[in-house]
Amino acid sequence: MLKFETSFKFQLLFLIILCIIILFLNINYEDKIKLVLSSMLPIYAEIINSAIERCVDLVTKEYNEIAKQAKDIGAFLVFISFLIATILWIIILL
């Protein structure tokens, strides 16, 4: 993942920055753990999305509507994971 996936590298850097921020937040340890775990959701989703993309590319290199839908669904999973993490951050910090 680190070798070939630029978006994964970006998300990993973002996770590291968020973890540093979490260290300095004045909240209890339980909430800090929740924030760290929720911040990891996009990483998990990106791994799944990359696996879907690789499988689709293995099957066909030509344009295929079903292949496009599979890739779009994987990308949507990443988006939803960011949304969930953001909502959890807002809930905990407010």
C-alpha atoms as a PDB file:
ATOM      1  CA  MET A   1       0.000   0.000   0.000  1.00  0.00           C
ATOM      2  CA  LEU A   2       2.746   2.449   0.909  1.00  0.00           C
ATOM      3  CA  LYS A   3       4.611   1.663  -2.259  1.00  0.00           C
ATOM      4  CA  PHE A   4       1.801   2.076  -4.812  1.00  0.00           C
ATOM      5  CA  GLU A   5      -1.133   3.965  -3.291  1.00  0.00           C
ATOM      6  CA  THR A   6      -0.763   7.743  -3.089  1.00  0.00           C
ATOM      7  CA  SER A   7      -4.154   8.202  -1.424  1.00  0.00           C
ATOM      8  CA  PHE A   8      -3.173   5.691   1.260  1.00  0.00           C
ATOM      9  CA  LYS A   9       0.014   7.643   1.976  1.00  0.00           C
ATOM     10  CA  PHE A  10      -2.012  10.848   2.298  1.00  0.00           C
ATOM     11  CA  GLN A  11      -4.512   9.207   4.639  1.00  0.00           C
ATOM     12  CA  LEU A  12      -1.739   7.709   6.760  1.00  0.00           C
ATOM     13  CA  LEU A  13      -0.092  11.129   7.097  1.00  0.00           C
ATOM     14  CA  PHE A  14      -3.469  12.619   8.009  1.00  0.00           C
ATOM     15  CA  LEU A  15      -3.935   9.888  10.655  1.00  0.00           C
ATOM     16  CA  ILE A  16      -0.535  10.641  12.174  1.00  0.00           C
ATOM     17  CA  ILE A  17      -1.374  14.362  12.353  1.00  0.00           C
ATOM     18  CA  LEU A  18      -4.740  13.610  13.951  1.00  0.00           C
ATOM     19  CA  CYS A  19      -3.108  11.312  16.518  1.00  0.00           C
ATOM     20  CA  ILE A  20      -0.688  14.082  17.482  1.00  0.00           C
ATOM     21  CA  ILE A  21      -3.618  16.487  17.858  1.00  0.00           C
ATOM     22  CA  ILE A  22      -5.481  13.935  19.965  1.00  0.00           C
ATOM     23  CA  LEU A  23      -2.541  13.755  22.399  1.00  0.00           C
ATOM     24  CA  PHE A  24      -2.982  17.434  23.222  1.00  0.00           C
ATOM     25  CA  LEU A  25      -6.774  17.479  23.501  1.00  0.00           C
ATOM     26  CA  ASN A  26      -8.151  18.011  26.980  1.00  0.00           C
ATOM     27  CA  ILE A  27     -10.548  15.036  26.930  1.00  0.00           C
ATOM     28  CA  ASN A  28     -10.640  11.723  28.781  1.00  0.00           C
ATOM     29  CA  TYR A  29      -8.706   8.690  27.550  1.00  0.00           C
ATOM     30  CA  GLU A  30     -11.862   6.851  26.499  1.00  0.00           C
ATOM     31  CA  ASP A  31     -12.763   9.668  24.106  1.00  0.00           C
ATOM     32  CA  LYS A  32      -9.176   9.816  22.845  1.00  0.00           C
ATOM     33  CA  ILE A  33      -9.362   6.113  21.999  1.00  0.00           C
ATOM     34  CA  LYS A  34     -12.669   6.675  20.200  1.00  0.00           C
ATOM     35  CA  LEU A  35     -11.114   9.478  18.149  1.00  0.00           C
ATOM     36  CA  VAL A  36      -8.084   7.380  17.216  1.00  0.00           C
ATOM     37  CA  LEU A  37     -10.226   4.399  16.206  1.00  0.00           C
ATOM     38  CA  SER A  38     -12.628   6.542  14.204  1.00  0.00           C
ATOM     39  CA  SER A  39      -9.667   8.227  12.495  1.00  0.00           C
ATOM     40  CA  MET A  40      -8.473   4.801  11.371  1.00  0.00           C
ATOM     41  CA  LEU A  41     -11.741   4.038   9.531  1.00  0.00           C
ATOM     42  CA  PRO A  42     -10.636   5.740   6.289  1.00  0.00           C
ATOM     43  CA  ILE A  43      -7.412   3.702   6.342  1.00  0.00           C
ATOM     44  CA  TYR A  44      -9.400   0.464   6.544  1.00  0.00           C
ATOM     45  CA  ALA A  45     -11.767   1.651   3.837  1.00  0.00           C
ATOM     46  CA  GLU A  46      -8.881   2.616   1.551  1.00  0.00           C
ATOM     47  CA  ILE A  47      -7.352  -0.841   1.941  1.00  0.00           C
ATOM     48  CA  ILE A  48     -10.664  -2.432   0.936  1.00  0.00           C
ATOM     49  CA  ASN A  49     -11.088   0.035  -1.931  1.00  0.00           C
ATOM     50  CA  SER A  50      -7.593  -0.704  -3.236  1.00  0.00           C
ATOM     51  CA  ALA A  51      -8.275  -4.442  -3.095  1.00  0.00           C
ATOM     52  CA  ILE A  52     -11.492  -3.950  -5.085  1.00  0.00           C
ATOM     53  CA  GLU A  53      -9.680  -1.835  -7.676  1.00  0.00           C
ATOM     54  CA  ARG A  54      -6.891  -4.386  -8.060  1.00  0.00           C
ATOM     55  CA  CYS A  55      -9.375  -7.256  -8.474  1.00  0.00           C
ATOM     56  CA  VAL A  56     -11.356  -5.315 -11.071  1.00  0.00           C
ATOM     57  CA  ASP A  57      -8.168  -4.412 -12.969  1.00  0.00           C
ATOM     58  CA  LEU A  58      -7.118  -8.052 -12.879  1.00  0.00           C
ATOM     59  CA  VAL A  59     -10.384  -9.097 -14.530  1.00  0.00           C
ATOM     60  CA  THR A  60     -10.590  -6.385 -17.177  1.00  0.00           C
ATOM     61  CA  LYS A  61      -8.553  -3.437 -18.416  1.00  0.00           C
ATOM     62  CA  GLU A  62     -11.284  -2.324 -20.815  1.00  0.00           C
ATOM     63  CA  TYR A  63     -14.145  -0.050 -19.819  1.00  0.00           C
ATOM     64  CA  ASN A  64     -16.952  -2.015 -18.237  1.00  0.00           C
ATOM     65  CA  GLU A  65     -19.952  -0.467 -16.492  1.00  0.00           C
ATOM     66  CA  ILE A  66     -20.030  -3.125 -13.757  1.00  0.00           C
ATOM     67  CA  ALA A  67     -16.298  -2.690 -13.137  1.00  0.00           C
ATOM     68  CA  LYS A  68     -16.830   1.076 -12.891  1.00  0.00           C
ATOM     69  CA  GLN A  69     -19.661   0.555 -10.402  1.00  0.00           C
ATOM     70  CA  ALA A  70     -17.463  -1.710  -8.257  1.00  0.00           C
ATOM     71  CA  LYS A  71     -14.739   0.939  -8.172  1.00  0.00           C
ATOM     72  CA  ASP A  72     -17.262   3.701  -7.452  1.00  0.00           C
ATOM     73  CA  ILE A  73     -18.727   1.705  -4.559  1.00  0.00           C
ATOM     74  CA  GLY A  74     -15.239   1.242  -3.107  1.00  0.00           C
ATOM     75  CA  ALA A  75     -14.603   4.979  -3.387  1.00  0.00           C
ATOM     76  CA  PHE A  76     -17.976   5.651  -1.746  1.00  0.00           C
ATOM     77  CA  LEU A  77     -16.933   3.413   1.154  1.00  0.00           C
ATOM     78  CA  VAL A  78     -13.896   5.644   1.692  1.00  0.00           C
ATOM     79  CA  PHE A  79     -16.101   8.752   1.607  1.00  0.00           C
ATOM     80  CA  ILE A  80     -18.575   7.275   4.105  1.00  0.00           C
ATOM     81  CA  SER A  81     -15.721   6.324   6.442  1.00  0.00           C
ATOM     82  CA  PHE A  82     -14.488   9.945   6.396  1.00  0.00           C
ATOM     83  CA  LEU A  83     -18.024  11.126   7.068  1.00  0.00           C
ATOM     84  CA  ILE A  84     -18.438   8.774  10.040  1.00  0.00           C
ATOM     85  CA  ALA A  85     -15.063   9.809  11.470  1.00  0.00           C
ATOM     86  CA  THR A  86     -15.929  13.492  11.074  1.00  0.00           C
ATOM     87  CA  ILE A  87     -19.306  13.057  12.777  1.00  0.00           C
ATOM     88  CA  LEU A  88     -17.690  11.201  15.687  1.00  0.00           C
ATOM     89  CA  TRP A  89     -15.081  13.938  16.059  1.00  0.00           C
ATOM     90  CA  ILE A  90     -17.786  16.604  16.114  1.00  0.00           C
ATOM     91  CA  ILE A  91     -19.881  14.696  18.660  1.00  0.00           C
ATOM     92  CA  ILE A  92     -16.937  14.059  20.991  1.00  0.00           C
ATOM     93  CA  LEU A  93     -15.418  17.516  20.756  1.00  0.00           C
ATOM     94  CA  LEU A  94     -18.697  19.362  21.219  1.00  0.00           C
END
